[in-house]
Amino acid sequence: MEVSATAKYIRTSPKKLRRIVNLVRGKKVDEALVILRFLPSPAARTVAKVVKSASANAENNYEMTPVDLRIVKIFVNEGNTLKRHRAGPRGRVKPILKRSSHITVVVKEEE
């Protein structure tokens, strides 16, 4: 049985999160958390929270053992974009796009 967890409206661009998510795709949950713990990026902490949440959902709601869980799917979708402006040269306006993202983690118990 697959169990999922989702974090929405994370104020980090999807491009930055996808680099981190690609490192842990297909790994066991314990191994993924160790990898995320030692990454220098601050976004790794956010991804680790979602992985822990999916593991806790599987353990508490479906009595699965956390040691046997593997990350089956993990992906990042684009969320809302906050559009801001800054003054540019010669009286023009430069757009600033503050992107957000949604992280989804799906774990499954191995036999």
C-alpha atoms as a PDB file:
ATOM      1  CA  MET A   1       0.000   0.000   0.000  1.00  0.00           C
ATOM      2  CA  GLU A   2       1.277   3.447  -0.905  1.00  0.00           C
ATOM      3  CA  VAL A   3       1.162   6.254   1.657  1.00  0.00           C
ATOM      4  CA  SER A   4       1.764   9.887   0.776  1.00  0.00           C
ATOM      5  CA  ALA A   5       2.518  13.249   2.348  1.00  0.00           C
ATOM      6  CA  THR A   6       2.365  16.675   0.726  1.00  0.00           C
ATOM      7  CA  ALA A   7       3.802  20.056   1.671  1.00  0.00           C
ATOM      8  CA  LYS A   8       2.202  22.946  -0.168  1.00  0.00           C
ATOM      9  CA  TYR A   9       3.218  26.546  -0.834  1.00  0.00           C
ATOM     10  CA  ILE A  10       6.875  26.100   0.106  1.00  0.00           C
ATOM     11  CA  ARG A  11       8.633  29.411  -0.592  1.00  0.00           C
ATOM     12  CA  THR A  12      11.489  27.864  -2.575  1.00  0.00           C
ATOM     13  CA  SER A  13      11.641  27.626  -6.323  1.00  0.00           C
ATOM     14  CA  PRO A  14      10.823  24.216  -7.825  1.00  0.00           C
ATOM     15  CA  LYS A  15      14.107  24.225  -9.745  1.00  0.00           C
ATOM     16  CA  LYS A  16      16.142  24.292  -6.516  1.00  0.00           C
ATOM     17  CA  LEU A  17      14.003  21.623  -4.866  1.00  0.00           C
ATOM     18  CA  ARG A  18      14.123  19.235  -7.839  1.00  0.00           C
ATOM     19  CA  ARG A  19      17.921  18.956  -7.572  1.00  0.00           C
ATOM     20  CA  ILE A  20      17.555  17.716  -3.998  1.00  0.00           C
ATOM     21  CA  VAL A  21      14.550  15.471  -4.685  1.00  0.00           C
ATOM     22  CA  ASN A  22      16.407  13.669  -7.477  1.00  0.00           C
ATOM     23  CA  LEU A  23      19.088  12.555  -4.998  1.00  0.00           C
ATOM     24  CA  VAL A  24      16.671  10.610  -2.776  1.00  0.00           C
ATOM     25  CA  ARG A  25      14.242   9.158  -5.323  1.00  0.00           C
ATOM     26  CA  GLY A  26      14.038   5.360  -4.994  1.00  0.00           C
ATOM     27  CA  LYS A  27      16.047   5.182  -1.764  1.00  0.00           C
ATOM     28  CA  LYS A  28      14.968   3.712   1.573  1.00  0.00           C
ATOM     29  CA  VAL A  29      13.563   6.302   3.985  1.00  0.00           C
ATOM     30  CA  ASP A  30      16.395   5.927   6.520  1.00  0.00           C
ATOM     31  CA  GLU A  31      19.041   6.295   3.833  1.00  0.00           C
ATOM     32  CA  ALA A  32      17.254   9.302   2.310  1.00  0.00           C
ATOM     33  CA  LEU A  33      17.092  11.088   5.657  1.00  0.00           C
ATOM     34  CA  VAL A  34      20.836  10.595   6.166  1.00  0.00           C
ATOM     35  CA  ILE A  35      21.543  12.023   2.707  1.00  0.00           C
ATOM     36  CA  LEU A  36      19.273  15.009   3.325  1.00  0.00           C
ATOM     37  CA  ARG A  37      20.768  15.673   6.743  1.00  0.00           C
ATOM     38  CA  PHE A  38      24.251  16.266   5.335  1.00  0.00           C
ATOM     39  CA  LEU A  39      23.323  18.331   2.274  1.00  0.00           C
ATOM     40  CA  PRO A  40      24.403  21.980   2.579  1.00  0.00           C
ATOM     41  CA  SER A  41      21.208  23.363   1.019  1.00  0.00           C
ATOM     42  CA  PRO A  42      18.540  24.824   3.339  1.00  0.00           C
ATOM     43  CA  ALA A  43      15.864  23.302   1.081  1.00  0.00           C
ATOM     44  CA  ALA A  44      17.036  19.817   2.105  1.00  0.00           C
ATOM     45  CA  ARG A  45      15.556  20.416   5.563  1.00  0.00           C
ATOM     46  CA  THR A  46      12.134  21.026   3.997  1.00  0.00           C
ATOM     47  CA  VAL A  47      12.326  17.858   1.889  1.00  0.00           C
ATOM     48  CA  ALA A  48      13.392  15.896   4.971  1.00  0.00           C
ATOM     49  CA  LYS A  49      10.315  17.117   6.849  1.00  0.00           C
ATOM     50  CA  VAL A  50       8.016  15.808   4.124  1.00  0.00           C
ATOM     51  CA  VAL A  51       9.821  12.447   3.998  1.00  0.00           C
ATOM     52  CA  LYS A  52       9.496  12.130   7.793  1.00  0.00           C
ATOM     53  CA  SER A  53       5.814  13.027   7.539  1.00  0.00           C
ATOM     54  CA  ALA A  54       5.160  10.331   4.936  1.00  0.00           C
ATOM     55  CA  SER A  55       6.990   7.806   7.107  1.00  0.00           C
ATOM     56  CA  ALA A  56       4.966   8.829  10.164  1.00  0.00           C
ATOM     57  CA  ASN A  57       1.712   8.580   8.181  1.00  0.00           C
ATOM     58  CA  ALA A  58       2.594   5.023   7.162  1.00  0.00           C
ATOM     59  CA  GLU A  59       3.571   4.052  10.693  1.00  0.00           C
ATOM     60  CA  ASN A  60       0.649   5.617  12.570  1.00  0.00           C
ATOM     61  CA  ASN A  61      -2.219   5.153  10.119  1.00  0.00           C
ATOM     62  CA  TYR A  62      -1.365   1.798   8.506  1.00  0.00           C
ATOM     63  CA  GLU A  63       0.918   0.049  11.077  1.00  0.00           C
ATOM     64  CA  MET A  64       3.829  -0.213   8.647  1.00  0.00           C
ATOM     65  CA  THR A  65       7.356  -0.544   9.993  1.00  0.00           C
ATOM     66  CA  PRO A  66       9.458   2.545   9.205  1.00  0.00           C
ATOM     67  CA  VAL A  67      12.583   0.457   8.544  1.00  0.00           C
ATOM     68  CA  ASP A  68      10.979  -1.288   5.538  1.00  0.00           C
ATOM     69  CA  LEU A  69       9.713   1.881   3.805  1.00  0.00           C
ATOM     70  CA  ARG A  70      11.062   2.969   0.436  1.00  0.00           C
ATOM     71  CA  ILE A  71      10.418   6.217  -1.435  1.00  0.00           C
ATOM     72  CA  VAL A  72       8.459   5.122  -4.506  1.00  0.00           C
ATOM     73  CA  LYS A  73       7.567   8.555  -5.893  1.00  0.00           C
ATOM     74  CA  ILE A  74       8.801  11.986  -4.951  1.00  0.00           C
ATOM     75  CA  PHE A  75       8.129  15.043  -7.065  1.00  0.00           C
ATOM     76  CA  VAL A  76       7.930  18.821  -6.947  1.00  0.00           C
ATOM     77  CA  ASN A  77       5.174  20.805  -8.645  1.00  0.00           C
ATOM     78  CA  GLU A  78       5.048  24.525  -9.187  1.00  0.00           C
ATOM     79  CA  GLY A  79       2.883  26.509  -6.773  1.00  0.00           C
ATOM     80  CA  ASN A  80       1.737  30.116  -6.813  1.00  0.00           C
ATOM     81  CA  THR A  81       4.089  32.824  -8.003  1.00  0.00           C
ATOM     82  CA  LEU A  82       4.148  36.163  -6.195  1.00  0.00           C
ATOM     83  CA  LYS A  83       4.736  38.933  -8.709  1.00  0.00           C
ATOM     84  CA  ARG A  84       6.668  41.960  -7.467  1.00  0.00           C
ATOM     85  CA  HIS A  85       8.364  44.877  -9.230  1.00  0.00           C
ATOM     86  CA  ARG A  86      11.569  46.818  -8.780  1.00  0.00           C
ATOM     87  CA  ALA A  87      12.680  50.038 -10.416  1.00  0.00           C
ATOM     88  CA  GLY A  88      14.954  49.496 -13.369  1.00  0.00           C
ATOM     89  CA  PRO A  89      17.141  51.846 -15.400  1.00  0.00           C
ATOM     90  CA  ARG A  90      15.609  54.799 -17.299  1.00  0.00           C
ATOM     91  CA  GLY A  91      12.327  54.674 -15.379  1.00  0.00           C
ATOM     92  CA  ARG A  92      11.449  51.133 -16.354  1.00  0.00           C
ATOM     93  CA  VAL A  93      10.088  48.336 -14.185  1.00  0.00           C
ATOM     94  CA  LYS A  94      11.872  45.022 -13.622  1.00  0.00           C
ATOM     95  CA  PRO A  95       9.645  42.088 -12.571  1.00  0.00           C
ATOM     96  CA  ILE A  96      10.582  39.919  -9.591  1.00  0.00           C
ATOM     97  CA  LEU A  97       8.983  36.467  -9.521  1.00  0.00           C
ATOM     98  CA  LYS A  98       8.905  34.847  -6.091  1.00  0.00           C
ATOM     99  CA  ARG A  99       8.141  31.223  -6.851  1.00  0.00           C
ATOM    100  CA  SER A 100       6.664  28.593  -4.563  1.00  0.00           C
ATOM    101  CA  SER A 101       6.302  24.837  -4.871  1.00  0.00           C
ATOM    102  CA  HIS A 102       4.429  21.749  -3.676  1.00  0.00           C
ATOM    103  CA  ILE A 103       6.397  18.638  -2.594  1.00  0.00           C
ATOM    104  CA  THR A 104       4.754  15.200  -2.678  1.00  0.00           C
ATOM    105  CA  VAL A 105       6.348  12.048  -1.267  1.00  0.00           C
ATOM    106  CA  VAL A 106       4.890   8.547  -1.707  1.00  0.00           C
ATOM    107  CA  VAL A 107       6.343   5.667   0.327  1.00  0.00           C
ATOM    108  CA  LYS A 108       5.666   1.947   0.115  1.00  0.00           C
ATOM    109  CA  GLU A 109       6.573  -0.980   2.350  1.00  0.00           C
ATOM    110  CA  GLU A 110       8.951  -3.534   0.906  1.00  0.00           C
ATOM    111  CA  GLU A 111       8.219  -7.231   1.301  1.00  0.00           C
END
